[in-house]
Amino acid sequence: MNRFAGLNEKEMSLVKKAGYIIEENREYSEEDYERCANVISDYIMNHSKNDIPKIQQQYSSTLRKII
């Protein structure tokens, strides 16, 4: 099952903004989902400590869906 298929357009945009490109019609492995989660985590942590909670909130539902 492609977990990325369960993302709405806003969530897909957030993943792309974090730096992970989702390809249509591709089978993803568990490692791919973990890599995406790591890219998102790195993106969040690269912000100032005051911005991290806000950005983490934006990505929380997306991360729950892919990991």
C-alpha atoms as a PDB file:
ATOM      1  CA  MET A   1       0.000   0.000   0.000  1.00  0.00           C
ATOM      2  CA  ASN A   2       1.299   3.423  -0.923  1.00  0.00           C
ATOM      3  CA  ARG A   3       1.036   5.514   2.250  1.00  0.00           C
ATOM      4  CA  PHE A   4       1.641   8.685   0.266  1.00  0.00           C
ATOM      5  CA  ALA A   5      -1.677   8.092  -1.526  1.00  0.00           C
ATOM      6  CA  GLY A   6      -3.414   8.842   1.785  1.00  0.00           C
ATOM      7  CA  LEU A   7      -1.990  12.364   1.940  1.00  0.00           C
ATOM      8  CA  ASN A   8      -4.129  15.316   0.965  1.00  0.00           C
ATOM      9  CA  GLU A   9      -2.836  18.076  -1.292  1.00  0.00           C
ATOM     10  CA  LYS A  10      -1.707  20.291   1.611  1.00  0.00           C
ATOM     11  CA  GLU A  11       0.254  17.419   3.159  1.00  0.00           C
ATOM     12  CA  MET A  12       1.840  16.570  -0.201  1.00  0.00           C
ATOM     13  CA  SER A  13       2.884  20.207  -0.518  1.00  0.00           C
ATOM     14  CA  LEU A  14       4.435  20.156   2.963  1.00  0.00           C
ATOM     15  CA  VAL A  15       6.432  17.014   2.138  1.00  0.00           C
ATOM     16  CA  LYS A  16       7.711  18.653  -1.036  1.00  0.00           C
ATOM     17  CA  LYS A  17       8.568  21.837   0.895  1.00  0.00           C
ATOM     18  CA  ALA A  18      10.620  19.736   3.314  1.00  0.00           C
ATOM     19  CA  GLY A  19      12.630  18.425   0.368  1.00  0.00           C
ATOM     20  CA  TYR A  20      11.241  14.967  -0.366  1.00  0.00           C
ATOM     21  CA  ILE A  21       9.834  14.349  -3.845  1.00  0.00           C
ATOM     22  CA  ILE A  22       6.941  11.896  -4.083  1.00  0.00           C
ATOM     23  CA  GLU A  23       6.736  10.074  -7.398  1.00  0.00           C
ATOM     24  CA  GLU A  24       3.390   8.891  -8.715  1.00  0.00           C
ATOM     25  CA  ASN A  25       2.891   5.229  -9.606  1.00  0.00           C
ATOM     26  CA  ARG A  26       5.889   4.084  -7.592  1.00  0.00           C
ATOM     27  CA  GLU A  27       6.017   1.331  -5.018  1.00  0.00           C
ATOM     28  CA  TYR A  28       7.683   2.603  -1.866  1.00  0.00           C
ATOM     29  CA  SER A  29       9.525   0.436   0.639  1.00  0.00           C
ATOM     30  CA  GLU A  30       9.545   0.836   4.394  1.00  0.00           C
ATOM     31  CA  GLU A  31      12.996   2.377   4.016  1.00  0.00           C
ATOM     32  CA  ASP A  32      11.576   5.039   1.678  1.00  0.00           C
ATOM     33  CA  TYR A  33       8.972   6.043   4.263  1.00  0.00           C
ATOM     34  CA  GLU A  34      11.630   6.224   6.967  1.00  0.00           C
ATOM     35  CA  ARG A  35      13.834   8.341   4.699  1.00  0.00           C
ATOM     36  CA  CYS A  36      10.928  10.723   4.081  1.00  0.00           C
ATOM     37  CA  ALA A  37      10.266  10.983   7.829  1.00  0.00           C
ATOM     38  CA  ASN A  38      13.966  11.755   8.390  1.00  0.00           C
ATOM     39  CA  VAL A  39      13.913  14.469   5.714  1.00  0.00           C
ATOM     40  CA  ILE A  40      10.876  16.032   7.390  1.00  0.00           C
ATOM     41  CA  SER A  41      12.486  15.782  10.844  1.00  0.00           C
ATOM     42  CA  ASP A  42      15.664  17.418   9.573  1.00  0.00           C
ATOM     43  CA  TYR A  43      13.608  20.172   7.976  1.00  0.00           C
ATOM     44  CA  ILE A  44      11.794  20.829  11.253  1.00  0.00           C
ATOM     45  CA  MET A  45      14.983  20.810  13.331  1.00  0.00           C
ATOM     46  CA  ASN A  46      16.717  23.259  10.996  1.00  0.00           C
ATOM     47  CA  HIS A  47      14.424  26.024  12.196  1.00  0.00           C
ATOM     48  CA  SER A  48      14.884  28.225  15.246  1.00  0.00           C
ATOM     49  CA  LYS A  49      13.811  26.751  18.561  1.00  0.00           C
ATOM     50  CA  ASN A  50      10.883  29.176  18.685  1.00  0.00           C
ATOM     51  CA  ASP A  51       9.555  27.995  15.310  1.00  0.00           C
ATOM     52  CA  ILE A  52       9.993  24.254  15.850  1.00  0.00           C
ATOM     53  CA  PRO A  53       6.719  23.630  17.778  1.00  0.00           C
ATOM     54  CA  LYS A  54       4.662  25.467  15.139  1.00  0.00           C
ATOM     55  CA  ILE A  55       6.281  23.616  12.238  1.00  0.00           C
ATOM     56  CA  GLN A  56       6.102  20.306  14.083  1.00  0.00           C
ATOM     57  CA  GLN A  57       2.365  20.861  14.501  1.00  0.00           C
ATOM     58  CA  GLN A  58       2.014  21.435  10.745  1.00  0.00           C
ATOM     59  CA  TYR A  59       3.740  18.146   9.948  1.00  0.00           C
ATOM     60  CA  SER A  60       2.310  15.957  12.732  1.00  0.00           C
ATOM     61  CA  SER A  61      -0.586  14.454  10.746  1.00  0.00           C
ATOM     62  CA  THR A  62       1.649  13.869   7.734  1.00  0.00           C
ATOM     63  CA  LEU A  63       4.217  12.019   9.820  1.00  0.00           C
ATOM     64  CA  ARG A  64       1.506   9.893  11.454  1.00  0.00           C
ATOM     65  CA  LYS A  65       0.284   8.810   8.033  1.00  0.00           C
ATOM     66  CA  ILE A  66       3.662   7.793   6.627  1.00  0.00           C
ATOM     67  CA  ILE A  67       5.314   6.100   9.602  1.00  0.00           C
END
